C-alpha atoms as a PDB file:
ATOM      1  CA  UNK A   1       3.184  49.164  67.537  1.00  0.00           C
ATOM      2  CA  UNK A   2       1.196  50.418  70.245  1.00  0.00           C
ATOM      3  CA  UNK A   3      -0.540  47.852  72.286  1.00  0.00           C
ATOM      4  CA  UNK A   4      -4.461  48.321  72.954  1.00  0.00           C
ATOM      5  CA  UNK A   5      -5.084  48.769  76.404  1.00  0.00           C
ATOM      6  CA  UNK A   6      -8.826  48.149  77.682  1.00  0.00           C
ATOM      7  CA  UNK A   7     -10.301  50.390  80.491  1.00  0.00           C
ATOM      8  CA  UNK A   8     -11.523  48.516  83.457  1.00  0.00           C
ATOM      9  CA  UNK A   9     -15.149  47.502  83.658  1.00  0.00           C
ATOM     10  CA  UNK A  10     -17.400  50.429  85.225  1.00  0.00           C
ATOM     11  CA  UNK A  11     -19.306  49.231  88.316  1.00  0.00           C
ATOM     12  CA  UNK A  12     -22.426  50.983  89.519  1.00  0.00           C
ATOM     13  CA  UNK A  13     -22.472  52.800  92.560  1.00  0.00           C
ATOM     14  CA  UNK A  14     -24.498  51.185  95.610  1.00  0.00           C
ATOM     15  CA  UNK A  15     -26.775  54.169  95.729  1.00  0.00           C
ATOM     16  CA  UNK A  16     -28.927  56.153  93.408  1.00  0.00           C
ATOM     17  CA  UNK A  17     -26.717  59.401  92.576  1.00  0.00           C
ATOM     18  CA  UNK A  18     -29.871  61.123  91.240  1.00  0.00           C
ATOM     19  CA  UNK A  19     -31.030  61.418  94.836  1.00  0.00           C
ATOM     20  CA  UNK A  20     -29.775  63.503  97.779  1.00  0.00           C
ATOM     21  CA  UNK A  21     -28.661  61.518 100.586  1.00  0.00           C
ATOM     22  CA  UNK A  22     -30.799  61.479 103.912  1.00  0.00           C
ATOM     23  CA  UNK A  23     -29.046  62.644 107.012  1.00  0.00           C
ATOM     24  CA  UNK A  24     -29.279  60.466 110.180  1.00  0.00           C
ATOM     25  CA  UNK A  25     -31.461  62.115 112.717  1.00  0.00           C
ATOM     26  CA  UNK A  26     -29.773  63.312 115.825  1.00  0.00           C
ATOM     27  CA  UNK A  27     -26.254  63.325 113.968  1.00  0.00           C
ATOM     28  CA  UNK A  28     -24.884  67.157 114.403  1.00  0.00           C
ATOM     29  CA  UNK A  29     -22.562  66.583 111.239  1.00  0.00           C
ATOM     30  CA  UNK A  30     -25.447  65.272 109.129  1.00  0.00           C
ATOM     31  CA  UNK A  31     -27.477  68.182 110.276  1.00  0.00           C
ATOM     32  CA  UNK A  32     -24.844  70.870 109.348  1.00  0.00           C
ATOM     33  CA  UNK A  33     -24.076  69.075 106.070  1.00  0.00           C
ATOM     34  CA  UNK A  34     -28.038  69.341 105.391  1.00  0.00           C
ATOM     35  CA  UNK A  35     -28.308  72.836 106.332  1.00  0.00           C
ATOM     36  CA  UNK A  36     -25.138  73.808 103.963  1.00  0.00           C
ATOM     37  CA  UNK A  37     -27.010  71.901 101.291  1.00  0.00           C
ATOM     38  CA  UNK A  38     -30.198  73.808 101.863  1.00  0.00           C
ATOM     39  CA  UNK A  39     -28.445  77.214 101.925  1.00  0.00           C
ATOM     40  CA  UNK A  40     -26.738  76.331  98.580  1.00  0.00           C
ATOM     41  CA  UNK A  41     -30.164  75.379  97.073  1.00  0.00           C
ATOM     42  CA  UNK A  42     -31.731  78.604  98.133  1.00  0.00           C
ATOM     43  CA  UNK A  43     -28.943  80.730  96.712  1.00  0.00           C
ATOM     44  CA  UNK A  44     -29.235  78.535  93.162  1.00  0.00           C
ATOM     45  CA  UNK A  45     -25.673  77.316  93.464  1.00  0.00           C
ATOM     46  CA  UNK A  46     -26.002  73.809  92.368  1.00  0.00           C
ATOM     47  CA  UNK A  47     -22.222  73.209  92.522  1.00  0.00           C
ATOM     48  CA  UNK A  48     -22.302  73.616  96.271  1.00  0.00           C
ATOM     49  CA  UNK A  49     -25.260  71.552  96.517  1.00  0.00           C
ATOM     50  CA  UNK A  50     -23.182  68.919  94.791  1.00  0.00           C
ATOM     51  CA  UNK A  51     -20.304  69.158  96.977  1.00  0.00           C
ATOM     52  CA  UNK A  52     -22.453  69.183 100.239  1.00  0.00           C
ATOM     53  CA  UNK A  53     -24.174  65.859  98.698  1.00  0.00           C
ATOM     54  CA  UNK A  54     -20.552  64.191  98.290  1.00  0.00           C
ATOM     55  CA  UNK A  55     -19.465  65.323 101.695  1.00  0.00           C
ATOM     56  CA  UNK A  56     -22.706  63.998 103.121  1.00  0.00           C
ATOM     57  CA  UNK A  57     -22.368  60.533 101.189  1.00  0.00           C
ATOM     58  CA  UNK A  58     -18.694  60.420 102.492  1.00  0.00           C
ATOM     59  CA  UNK A  59     -19.698  61.305 106.151  1.00  0.00           C
ATOM     60  CA  UNK A  60     -22.776  58.598 106.226  1.00  0.00           C
ATOM     61  CA  UNK A  61     -20.128  55.782 104.712  1.00  0.00           C
ATOM     62  CA  UNK A  62     -17.245  56.404 107.273  1.00  0.00           C
ATOM     63  CA  UNK A  63     -19.491  57.347 110.316  1.00  0.00           C
ATOM     64  CA  UNK A  64     -22.653  55.467 110.279  1.00  0.00           C
END
């Protein structure tokens, strides 16, 4: 017979995924990502908005 494998427990993210990440003042990379996100919102391209948020969170985690 087949063994039942339980999935690992889910952990909650350390940030609120329903809110957009906030760029750090004076950081050129943050400014560029925020501009990319704003342009995507203006174009109603919510997939690009989500992509920009992911890139911003990654940048904030790695560089700040």
